[in-house]
Amino acid sequence: MKNIEPQQVFSIFHDITQVPRPSKHEEQIIAWLVDFAQKHNLEYELDEIKNVIIRKPASVGYESHSGVILQAHMDMVCEKNGDVQHDFLKDPIDYYIDGDWIRTRGTTLGGDNGIGMALALAILTDNNLQHPAIEALFTVDEETGLTGADCLQKGILKGTKLINLDSEDDGQIFVGCSGGIDTLGKIEYTPIQTTTIPQQLFAVEIKVSNLQGGHSGSDIDKNRANANKLLAHFLFNVSQKTDIWINAFNGGNLRNAIAREANVTFCVSADYKDSLAADFNIYTAEVEKVYAGVEKDIKWSIGSVEMPAVVMPKEVGNKLIYALCTCPHGVQKMSAELENLVQTSTNLASTKTYEKDGKNCIEITTSQRSSVEIEKHLIKDEVACTLLLAGAEVTYSDGYPGWQPNMQSELLKLTKDAYLELFQEEPTVLAIHAGLECGLFLAKYPNLDMVSIGPQMYDVHSPSERLSISSTKKCYYWLIKILSKC
């Protein structure tokens, strides 16, 4: 990668891929950023929550211009295929070049937002550019709660314009984003011994994997299957024919990713064994028809397993099935003002069964997004009611605000003009159905003028994530041109 043009961008991005940086575990990348600043004789500062700010003085002739903030987040979503051995706390990303794409072998790439970091750092190291004073802001823990932006100190930034580098679409300028909140349900239960059930039982495990998954904001409108939903609907069909006792249900991993894999272990009457296999084959064939053209290689497995010692009480397992089947998932409303923009959505992100401190628990994690604040809370309430009916204790994350577009923005005009001059075509201006940190910045710096840009990426938050080399080059020269106009 280090030999790809522009070398300063891809050399830095390579180095970033070698540094582990899961959300809430950014210690190594923070140390790397500090070392980077020191090696290049750049002023740097860490705030109270360990956001890193690296500063570069204005170039000659730009000393009187207002400063510009280049912003990216330093953490990455850590998703991998079930058959891949990779420790995100220790291992570098195993990437490879495939034509115009940078891909990985079964893990997320971290282009979101490593390439944004690389673009900003490349600007800081190039002393031949024309630009105002630059502050490069690298925030922590964006992916699991926007913590770095939320806790950013007031007054620490001096610039009046901010370019967020966390977008993923070539030739597009984002000027608004949705707000979001997470809704979580927790069910505690007392398991029962399988030996106390007055039936001869058969234990089985079912798995679904190799779904596309993806970002729960930007990919939520692509009609991709949700692994939690697929298994829950099958279990509901089974429960209508015979009693079912669930031992464990686990699906999905991250609040901001569509569930790609799930597995369930459960018991049914031994008399239903042959019918179960037949029903499974019919169901999976029908699902594959429904998702033909979207999910091209769904992997299913079913097999008998050793009888578990304990299972959920039947009524608890049934309520779990009902909750997962009825819990809203996907697009809830499209924008009436901006074409093809999702206005409101919700993601049934993960289901986990575990034992902790002597208590058996089921934990269901969901996330809601909307560019309309009241709708964010309405869909949150709908999800909460579903979980409450299942007997769950419901809690919420702090949430974060959306970013309302300012079509009169001076920075927007400069960004559009720069693109037109370079590429002889107009860029697209739009809002995004995903959580950018801009709304939180605006709460602390209400006069900030902001836009968001970035190179083309697909399938972020999934092991299919890929980054376009040519689009990254294009975005870098666009960023240079923008800065020269500021």
Protein backbone atom coordinates (compact mmCIF):
# COMPACT_ATOMS: atom_id res chain seq x y z
CA MET A 1 0.00 0.00 0.00
CA LYS A 2 2.88 2.37 0.72
CA ASN A 3 3.66 2.66 -3.01
CA ILE A 4 0.15 3.73 -4.01
CA GLU A 5 -0.38 7.38 -4.92
CA PRO A 6 -0.73 9.65 -3.09
CA GLN A 7 1.99 7.91 -1.10
CA GLN A 8 1.73 10.16 1.94
CA VAL A 9 -1.92 9.18 2.40
CA PHE A 10 -1.64 5.44 1.85
CA SER A 11 1.63 5.09 3.74
CA ILE A 12 -0.03 6.64 6.78
CA PHE A 13 -3.17 4.54 6.31
CA HIS A 14 -1.02 1.38 6.21
CA ASP A 15 0.59 2.38 9.50
CA ILE A 16 -2.85 2.99 11.04
CA THR A 17 -4.03 -0.51 10.02
CA GLN A 18 -1.12 -1.95 12.01
CA VAL A 19 -2.26 -0.32 15.27
CA PRO A 20 -5.14 -1.97 17.19
CA ARG A 21 -7.89 0.56 17.94
CA PRO A 22 -11.21 -0.94 19.03
CA SER A 23 -13.71 1.46 20.54
CA LYS A 24 -12.92 2.13 24.21
CA HIS A 25 -9.45 0.64 23.68
CA GLU A 26 -7.70 3.47 21.83
CA GLU A 27 -4.56 3.60 23.99
CA GLN A 28 -2.26 2.32 21.25
CA ILE A 29 -3.52 4.65 18.53
CA ILE A 30 -3.38 7.62 20.92
CA ALA A 31 0.26 6.84 21.63
CA TRP A 32 0.88 6.45 17.89
CA LEU A 33 -0.68 9.85 17.16
CA VAL A 34 1.44 11.54 19.85
CA ASP A 35 4.55 9.93 18.40
CA PHE A 36 3.50 11.07 14.91
CA ALA A 37 3.17 14.67 16.10
CA GLN A 38 6.53 14.56 17.83
CA LYS A 39 8.31 13.09 14.80
CA HIS A 40 6.95 15.88 12.60
CA ASN A 41 7.57 18.66 15.12
CA LEU A 42 3.87 19.48 15.37
CA GLU A 43 2.16 20.95 18.40
CA TYR A 44 -0.30 18.54 19.99
CA GLU A 45 -2.69 18.37 22.91
CA LEU A 46 -4.76 15.70 24.65
CA ASP A 47 -7.96 16.76 26.35
CA GLU A 48 -9.45 15.19 29.45
CA ILE A 49 -11.00 12.25 27.61
CA LYS A 50 -7.91 11.65 25.41
CA ASN A 51 -9.11 13.22 22.20
CA VAL A 52 -5.96 14.18 20.31
CA ILE A 53 -5.53 17.61 18.67
CA ILE A 54 -2.54 18.22 16.39
CA ARG A 55 -1.92 21.76 15.19
CA LYS A 56 -0.10 23.18 12.18
CA PRO A 57 0.44 26.94 11.62
CA ALA A 58 -0.94 28.71 8.58
CA SER A 59 1.17 28.73 5.42
CA VAL A 60 2.67 31.99 4.18
CA GLY A 61 -0.05 34.42 3.11
CA TYR A 62 -2.81 32.65 5.09
CA GLU A 63 -1.88 33.90 8.55
CA SER A 64 -4.93 36.19 8.80
CA HIS A 65 -7.42 33.56 7.59
CA SER A 66 -9.74 31.83 10.06
CA GLY A 67 -8.53 28.41 11.16
CA VAL A 68 -9.87 25.11 9.81
CA ILE A 69 -10.49 21.95 11.83
CA LEU A 70 -9.97 18.58 10.09
CA GLN A 71 -11.81 15.94 12.07
CA ALA A 72 -11.89 12.15 12.16
CA HIS A 73 -12.44 9.52 14.84
CA MET A 74 -9.68 7.13 15.81
CA ASP A 75 -11.66 4.02 16.83
CA MET A 76 -13.00 1.33 14.49
CA VAL A 77 -15.79 -1.22 14.44
CA CYS A 78 -14.37 -4.68 15.10
CA GLU A 79 -16.35 -7.32 13.19
CA LYS A 80 -15.05 -10.61 11.80
CA ASN A 81 -16.37 -13.75 10.21
CA GLY A 82 -16.96 -16.62 12.60
CA ASP A 83 -14.21 -18.76 11.06
CA VAL A 84 -11.53 -16.04 11.24
CA GLN A 85 -8.94 -16.02 14.02
CA HIS A 86 -8.22 -12.37 14.81
CA ASP A 87 -7.68 -10.50 18.08
CA PHE A 88 -8.61 -6.85 17.50
CA LEU A 89 -6.80 -5.87 20.71
CA LYS A 90 -3.49 -7.22 19.44
CA ASP A 91 -3.46 -8.07 15.74
CA PRO A 92 -2.88 -5.74 12.76
CA ILE A 93 -5.49 -5.69 10.01
CA ASP A 94 -4.71 -8.23 7.28
CA TYR A 95 -5.57 -6.26 4.14
CA TYR A 96 -4.85 -6.79 0.45
CA ILE A 97 -5.18 -4.85 -2.82
CA ASP A 98 -7.82 -5.99 -5.29
CA GLY A 99 -7.68 -3.69 -8.32
CA ASP A 100 -9.03 -0.35 -7.15
CA TRP A 101 -10.09 -1.72 -3.76
CA ILE A 102 -8.43 -2.27 -0.44
CA ARG A 103 -10.06 -5.29 1.18
CA THR A 104 -9.46 -7.58 4.15
CA ARG A 105 -9.44 -11.29 4.85
CA GLY A 106 -12.54 -11.71 6.95
CA THR A 107 -12.44 -8.65 9.23
CA THR A 108 -13.48 -5.03 9.09
CA LEU A 109 -10.86 -2.82 7.44
CA GLY A 110 -11.17 0.23 9.66
CA GLY A 111 -11.36 2.56 6.67
CA ASP A 112 -14.13 4.02 8.79
CA ASN A 113 -12.47 6.21 9.96
CA GLY A 114 -8.80 5.34 9.50
CA ILE A 115 -8.73 6.83 6.03
CA GLY A 116 -10.12 10.09 7.42
CA MET A 117 -7.24 10.13 9.90
CA ALA A 118 -4.76 9.43 7.09
CA LEU A 119 -6.10 12.28 4.95
CA ALA A 120 -5.78 14.78 7.80
CA LEU A 121 -2.32 13.57 8.82
CA ALA A 122 -1.07 13.71 5.23
CA ILE A 123 -2.14 17.36 5.08
CA LEU A 124 -0.20 18.04 8.29
CA THR A 125 3.01 16.58 6.86
CA ASP A 126 2.95 18.31 3.47
CA ASN A 127 4.73 21.67 3.77
CA ASN A 128 4.07 22.64 0.16
CA LEU A 129 0.36 23.32 0.62
CA GLN A 130 -1.54 26.57 0.99
CA HIS A 131 -3.85 26.62 3.97
CA PRO A 132 -4.99 28.53 7.07
CA ALA A 133 -4.00 27.34 10.54
CA ILE A 134 -5.08 23.72 10.91
CA GLU A 135 -6.28 21.79 13.93
CA ALA A 136 -6.57 18.05 13.29
CA LEU A 137 -9.02 16.65 15.83
CA PHE A 138 -9.06 12.88 16.40
CA THR A 139 -11.85 11.74 18.71
CA VAL A 140 -12.19 8.59 20.77
CA ASP A 141 -15.09 6.15 20.98
CA GLU A 142 -17.21 7.42 18.12
CA GLU A 143 -18.58 4.03 17.17
CA THR A 144 -20.07 3.03 20.54
CA GLY A 145 -21.49 6.31 21.75
CA LEU A 146 -19.83 9.40 20.22
CA THR A 147 -18.12 9.80 23.60
CA GLY A 148 -15.15 11.81 22.37
CA ALA A 149 -17.31 14.41 20.65
CA ASP A 150 -19.79 14.51 23.52
CA CYS A 151 -17.04 15.14 26.09
CA LEU A 152 -14.95 17.52 23.97
CA GLN A 153 -13.97 20.51 26.10
CA LYS A 154 -15.52 23.84 25.23
CA GLY A 155 -12.99 26.41 24.07
CA ILE A 156 -10.24 23.94 23.17
CA LEU A 157 -10.78 24.45 19.42
CA LYS A 158 -9.94 27.78 17.77
CA GLY A 159 -11.00 27.23 14.16
CA THR A 160 -14.29 28.49 12.75
CA LYS A 161 -14.71 25.92 9.95
CA LEU A 162 -14.78 22.14 10.42
CA ILE A 163 -14.36 19.48 7.74
CA ASN A 164 -15.53 16.12 9.01
CA LEU A 165 -13.76 13.29 7.12
CA ASP A 166 -16.12 10.49 8.14
CA SER A 167 -18.32 10.18 5.04
CA GLU A 168 -18.17 7.29 2.60
CA ASP A 169 -19.49 8.46 -0.76
CA ASP A 170 -17.47 9.79 -3.68
CA GLY A 171 -18.34 13.29 -4.85
CA GLN A 172 -20.88 13.95 -2.13
CA ILE A 173 -20.97 16.70 0.48
CA PHE A 174 -22.95 15.99 3.61
CA VAL A 175 -24.48 18.91 5.47
CA GLY A 176 -26.75 17.09 7.91
CA CYS A 177 -27.15 13.79 9.75
CA SER A 178 -29.59 11.91 11.94
CA GLY A 179 -29.59 11.78 15.70
CA GLY A 180 -29.64 8.48 17.52
CA ILE A 181 -30.32 6.59 20.73
CA ASP A 182 -29.95 2.97 21.89
CA THR A 183 -32.70 1.00 23.59
CA LEU A 184 -31.66 -2.06 25.58
CA GLY A 185 -33.75 -4.81 27.14
CA LYS A 186 -32.55 -7.18 29.85
CA ILE A 187 -34.50 -10.25 30.97
CA GLU A 188 -33.37 -12.14 34.07
CA TYR A 189 -34.69 -15.67 34.54
CA THR A 190 -34.23 -18.80 36.63
CA PRO A 191 -33.33 -21.76 34.40
CA ILE A 192 -34.96 -25.15 34.79
CA GLN A 193 -33.32 -28.57 34.66
CA THR A 194 -34.03 -30.49 31.48
CA THR A 195 -34.40 -33.63 33.61
CA THR A 196 -37.53 -32.12 35.18
CA ILE A 197 -39.34 -31.73 31.85
CA PRO A 198 -41.90 -34.56 31.51
CA GLN A 199 -41.11 -35.31 27.87
CA GLN A 200 -38.44 -37.13 25.94
CA LEU A 201 -36.43 -34.26 24.44
CA PHE A 202 -34.27 -33.74 21.41
CA ALA A 203 -31.58 -30.98 21.52
CA VAL A 204 -30.62 -29.11 18.38
CA GLU A 205 -28.48 -26.15 17.32
CA ILE A 206 -29.31 -23.95 14.33
CA LYS A 207 -26.94 -21.37 12.87
CA VAL A 208 -27.25 -18.74 10.16
CA SER A 209 -24.19 -16.87 8.92
CA ASN A 210 -22.55 -15.11 5.98
CA LEU A 211 -25.22 -12.42 5.71
CA GLN A 212 -24.08 -9.06 4.37
CA GLY A 213 -24.79 -7.10 7.54
CA GLY A 214 -23.38 -3.59 7.24
CA HIS A 215 -23.83 -0.17 8.79
CA SER A 216 -27.12 0.23 10.64
CA GLY A 217 -27.50 3.75 9.26
CA SER A 218 -26.18 3.94 5.71
CA ASP A 219 -27.10 0.33 4.84
CA ILE A 220 -30.44 0.06 6.64
CA ASP A 221 -32.37 0.78 3.42
CA LYS A 222 -30.73 -2.01 1.42
CA ASN A 223 -33.20 -4.71 2.54
CA ARG A 224 -30.50 -6.91 4.00
CA ALA A 225 -31.50 -9.81 6.22
CA ASN A 226 -31.15 -9.62 9.99
CA ALA A 227 -29.86 -12.86 11.52
CA ASN A 228 -31.80 -12.35 14.77
CA LYS A 229 -35.03 -12.01 12.83
CA LEU A 230 -34.40 -15.05 10.63
CA LEU A 231 -33.92 -17.43 13.54
CA ALA A 232 -36.68 -15.89 15.66
CA HIS A 233 -39.29 -16.36 12.93
CA PHE A 234 -38.31 -19.99 12.46
CA LEU A 235 -38.53 -20.60 16.20
CA PHE A 236 -41.99 -19.02 16.25
CA ASN A 237 -43.15 -21.45 13.55
CA VAL A 238 -41.77 -24.34 15.58
CA SER A 239 -43.45 -23.08 18.76
CA GLN A 240 -46.83 -23.22 17.02
CA LYS A 241 -46.42 -26.96 16.44
CA THR A 242 -44.68 -28.19 19.56
CA ASP A 243 -43.33 -27.03 22.90
CA ILE A 244 -39.90 -25.40 22.70
CA TRP A 245 -37.28 -24.82 25.41
CA ILE A 246 -34.44 -22.46 24.54
CA ASN A 247 -31.02 -22.99 26.06
CA ALA A 248 -29.21 -20.03 24.42
CA PHE A 249 -29.85 -17.50 21.66
CA ASN A 250 -26.93 -15.36 20.44
CA GLY A 251 -26.97 -13.14 17.37
CA GLY A 252 -25.23 -9.98 16.21
CA ASN A 253 -22.49 -8.10 18.01
CA LEU A 254 -22.56 -4.33 17.68
CA ARG A 255 -25.32 -1.75 18.18
CA ASN A 256 -24.45 0.00 14.90
CA ALA A 257 -24.15 -3.08 12.70
CA ILE A 258 -26.90 -5.18 11.13
CA ALA A 259 -26.74 -8.69 12.59
CA ARG A 260 -24.85 -11.01 10.21
CA GLU A 261 -24.73 -14.21 12.25
CA ALA A 262 -26.86 -15.91 14.88
CA ASN A 263 -27.19 -19.30 16.55
CA VAL A 264 -29.72 -20.89 18.87
CA THR A 265 -29.66 -24.05 20.96
CA PHE A 266 -33.04 -25.43 22.00
CA CYS A 267 -34.97 -28.57 22.86
CA VAL A 268 -38.18 -29.99 21.41
CA SER A 269 -40.07 -33.23 21.82
CA ALA A 270 -38.20 -36.15 20.27
CA ASP A 271 -41.40 -36.95 18.36
CA TYR A 272 -40.93 -33.71 16.37
CA LYS A 273 -37.35 -34.51 15.28
CA ASP A 274 -38.10 -35.51 11.68
CA SER A 275 -40.67 -32.75 11.18
CA LEU A 276 -38.18 -30.18 12.48
CA ALA A 277 -35.65 -31.03 9.76
CA ALA A 278 -38.33 -30.89 7.07
CA ASP A 279 -39.69 -27.57 8.32
CA PHE A 280 -36.16 -26.15 8.47
CA ASN A 281 -35.46 -27.08 4.86
CA ILE A 282 -38.71 -25.52 3.67
CA TYR A 283 -38.13 -22.34 5.71
CA THR A 284 -34.55 -21.78 4.58
CA ALA A 285 -35.49 -22.30 0.94
CA GLU A 286 -38.27 -19.71 1.24
CA VAL A 287 -35.98 -17.21 2.97
CA GLU A 288 -33.41 -17.55 0.20
CA LYS A 289 -36.13 -16.77 -2.35
CA VAL A 290 -37.17 -13.68 -0.41
CA TYR A 291 -33.60 -12.35 -0.27
CA ALA A 292 -32.50 -13.46 -3.73
CA GLY A 293 -30.29 -10.78 -5.24
CA VAL A 294 -29.58 -9.26 -1.81
CA GLU A 295 -28.14 -12.12 0.24
CA LYS A 296 -26.29 -14.24 -2.28
CA ASP A 297 -24.73 -16.95 -0.10
CA ILE A 298 -26.59 -17.45 3.18
CA LYS A 299 -25.07 -20.29 5.18
CA TRP A 300 -27.37 -22.42 7.33
CA SER A 301 -26.66 -25.36 9.58
CA ILE A 302 -28.79 -27.62 11.76
CA GLY A 303 -27.64 -30.50 13.90
CA SER A 304 -28.29 -32.41 17.07
CA VAL A 305 -26.21 -31.50 20.11
CA GLU A 306 -25.66 -32.87 23.57
CA MET A 307 -28.63 -32.32 25.85
CA PRO A 308 -28.06 -29.11 27.85
CA ALA A 309 -28.39 -29.36 31.61
CA VAL A 310 -30.69 -26.35 31.83
CA VAL A 311 -33.00 -24.32 29.61
CA MET A 312 -35.14 -21.21 29.92
CA PRO A 313 -38.63 -21.74 31.27
CA LYS A 314 -40.92 -22.25 28.30
CA GLU A 315 -42.80 -18.98 28.90
CA VAL A 316 -39.52 -17.02 29.01
CA GLY A 317 -38.30 -18.56 25.78
CA ASN A 318 -41.63 -17.88 24.11
CA LYS A 319 -41.58 -14.24 25.18
CA LEU A 320 -38.06 -13.92 23.76
CA ILE A 321 -39.28 -15.33 20.44
CA TYR A 322 -42.27 -12.99 20.39
CA ALA A 323 -40.09 -9.97 21.22
CA LEU A 324 -37.57 -10.69 18.47
CA CYS A 325 -40.29 -11.34 15.90
CA THR A 326 -42.26 -8.19 16.68
CA CYS A 327 -39.41 -5.79 17.51
CA PRO A 328 -39.29 -3.22 14.69
CA HIS A 329 -36.27 -3.38 12.41
CA GLY A 330 -35.38 -1.41 9.30
CA VAL A 331 -36.62 1.75 7.64
CA GLN A 332 -39.62 3.31 9.38
CA LYS A 333 -40.01 6.49 7.32
CA MET A 334 -38.42 8.18 4.31
CA SER A 335 -37.81 11.92 4.13
CA ALA A 336 -40.44 13.96 2.29
CA GLU A 337 -37.92 16.76 1.66
CA LEU A 338 -34.75 15.02 0.48
CA GLU A 339 -35.00 12.31 -2.16
CA ASN A 340 -33.88 8.80 -1.15
CA LEU A 341 -33.01 9.89 2.41
CA VAL A 342 -34.10 7.62 5.23
CA GLN A 343 -35.68 9.79 7.90
CA THR A 344 -36.26 7.25 10.68
CA SER A 345 -35.04 3.69 11.25
CA THR A 346 -34.31 1.13 13.93
CA ASN A 347 -31.84 -1.76 14.15
CA LEU A 348 -32.35 -5.01 16.09
CA ALA A 349 -28.63 -5.24 16.68
CA SER A 350 -27.86 -8.13 19.01
CA THR A 351 -29.27 -10.80 21.29
CA LYS A 352 -27.04 -12.32 23.96
CA THR A 353 -27.65 -15.08 26.52
CA TYR A 354 -25.23 -15.21 29.43
CA GLU A 355 -24.71 -15.93 33.12
CA LYS A 356 -23.18 -13.29 35.37
CA ASP A 357 -22.94 -13.05 39.15
CA GLY A 358 -25.13 -16.10 39.49
CA LYS A 359 -27.90 -14.63 37.33
CA ASN A 360 -29.06 -15.88 33.96
CA CYS A 361 -29.78 -13.05 31.52
CA ILE A 362 -30.99 -12.30 28.02
CA GLU A 363 -29.82 -8.95 26.65
CA ILE A 364 -31.35 -7.39 23.54
CA THR A 365 -29.63 -4.33 22.05
CA THR A 366 -31.29 -2.04 19.53
CA SER A 367 -30.47 1.38 18.06
CA GLN A 368 -32.76 4.06 16.64
CA ARG A 369 -31.95 6.93 14.25
CA SER A 370 -33.91 9.88 12.93
CA SER A 371 -33.31 13.33 11.53
CA VAL A 372 -36.51 14.39 13.31
CA GLU A 373 -36.03 14.44 17.08
CA ILE A 374 -39.59 13.51 18.04
CA GLU A 375 -39.59 10.56 15.62
CA LYS A 376 -36.38 9.26 17.18
CA HIS A 377 -38.20 9.08 20.50
CA LEU A 378 -41.40 7.66 19.03
CA ILE A 379 -39.62 4.68 17.49
CA LYS A 380 -37.57 4.29 20.68
CA ASP A 381 -40.84 4.06 22.61
CA GLU A 382 -42.22 1.48 20.19
CA VAL A 383 -39.17 -0.72 20.65
CA ALA A 384 -39.31 -0.23 24.43
CA CYS A 385 -42.94 -1.33 24.58
CA THR A 386 -42.10 -4.52 22.68
CA LEU A 387 -39.33 -5.31 25.16
CA LEU A 388 -41.47 -4.41 28.19
CA LEU A 389 -44.20 -6.79 27.02
CA ALA A 390 -41.56 -9.52 26.99
CA GLY A 391 -40.79 -8.80 30.63
CA ALA A 392 -37.54 -6.96 30.02
CA GLU A 393 -36.05 -4.18 32.09
CA VAL A 394 -35.51 -1.35 29.58
CA THR A 395 -32.71 1.21 29.65
CA TYR A 396 -31.46 3.80 27.16
CA SER A 397 -28.17 5.33 26.08
CA ASP A 398 -27.67 9.08 26.40
CA GLY A 399 -28.33 9.53 22.68
CA TYR A 400 -26.98 12.26 20.47
CA PRO A 401 -28.47 15.11 18.43
CA GLY A 402 -28.81 15.37 14.69
CA TRP A 403 -27.16 18.03 12.55
CA GLN A 404 -29.54 20.34 10.71
CA PRO A 405 -28.40 21.46 7.22
CA ASN A 406 -27.26 25.03 6.61
CA MET A 407 -27.60 25.58 2.89
CA GLN A 408 -26.20 29.13 3.21
CA SER A 409 -22.87 27.85 4.60
CA GLU A 410 -19.76 29.60 3.32
CA LEU A 411 -17.75 26.39 3.70
CA LEU A 412 -20.33 24.50 1.65
CA LYS A 413 -19.91 27.00 -1.20
CA LEU A 414 -16.10 26.72 -1.05
CA THR A 415 -16.31 22.93 -1.01
CA LYS A 416 -18.66 22.86 -4.01
CA ASP A 417 -16.51 25.35 -5.95
CA ALA A 418 -13.35 23.34 -5.26
CA TYR A 419 -14.95 20.15 -6.58
CA LEU A 420 -16.27 21.87 -9.70
CA GLU A 421 -12.86 23.38 -10.49
CA LEU A 422 -11.05 20.08 -10.06
CA PHE A 423 -13.47 17.65 -11.71
CA GLN A 424 -15.66 19.86 -13.94
CA GLU A 425 -18.88 18.59 -12.42
CA GLU A 426 -21.15 19.54 -9.55
CA PRO A 427 -20.93 17.50 -6.34
CA THR A 428 -24.09 16.21 -4.71
CA VAL A 429 -25.18 17.94 -1.50
CA LEU A 430 -27.26 15.87 0.91
CA ALA A 431 -27.79 14.65 4.45
CA ILE A 432 -26.92 11.19 5.73
CA HIS A 433 -28.90 8.68 7.75
CA ALA A 434 -26.05 7.97 10.13
CA GLY A 435 -24.61 9.52 13.24
CA LEU A 436 -21.84 11.99 12.59
CA GLU A 437 -20.18 13.86 15.41
CA CYS A 438 -21.08 17.24 13.90
CA GLY A 439 -24.28 17.66 15.89
CA LEU A 440 -22.36 17.35 19.14
CA PHE A 441 -19.67 19.78 17.97
CA LEU A 442 -22.38 22.28 17.12
CA ALA A 443 -23.79 22.05 20.64
CA LYS A 444 -20.44 23.24 22.04
CA TYR A 445 -19.43 25.53 19.17
CA PRO A 446 -22.72 26.90 17.80
CA ASN A 447 -21.02 29.12 15.22
CA LEU A 448 -19.01 26.35 13.55
CA ASP A 449 -19.40 26.14 9.78
CA MET A 450 -19.27 22.44 8.86
CA VAL A 451 -19.32 19.97 5.98
CA SER A 452 -18.52 16.26 5.80
CA ILE A 453 -16.72 14.52 2.92
CA GLY A 454 -14.84 11.27 2.34
CA PRO A 455 -13.77 8.69 -0.24
CA GLN A 456 -15.92 5.83 -1.51
CA MET A 457 -16.32 2.88 0.84
CA TYR A 458 -18.79 0.04 0.84
CA ASP A 459 -20.06 -2.35 3.53
CA VAL A 460 -18.45 -0.54 6.46
CA HIS A 461 -19.00 -2.20 9.84
CA SER A 462 -18.77 -5.61 8.15
CA PRO A 463 -15.96 -7.92 6.98
CA SER A 464 -16.90 -7.02 3.40
CA GLU A 465 -15.74 -3.43 3.99
CA ARG A 466 -13.69 -2.06 1.09
CA LEU A 467 -12.09 1.29 0.26
CA SER A 468 -11.62 2.75 -3.21
CA ILE A 469 -8.03 3.77 -3.99
CA SER A 470 -8.93 6.12 -6.85
CA SER A 471 -11.67 7.81 -4.82
CA THR A 472 -9.26 8.33 -1.92
CA LYS A 473 -6.80 10.05 -4.26
CA LYS A 474 -9.60 12.21 -5.61
CA CYS A 475 -10.76 13.13 -2.10
CA TYR A 476 -7.24 14.10 -0.99
CA TYR A 477 -6.77 16.57 -3.85
CA TRP A 478 -10.27 17.90 -3.22
CA LEU A 479 -9.35 18.52 0.41
CA ILE A 480 -6.16 20.32 -0.63
CA LYS A 481 -8.17 22.56 -2.97
CA ILE A 482 -10.76 23.32 -0.26
CA LEU A 483 -8.05 24.40 2.18
CA SER A 484 -6.46 26.67 -0.39
CA LYS A 485 -9.81 28.46 -0.73
CA CYS A 486 -10.47 28.85 3.01
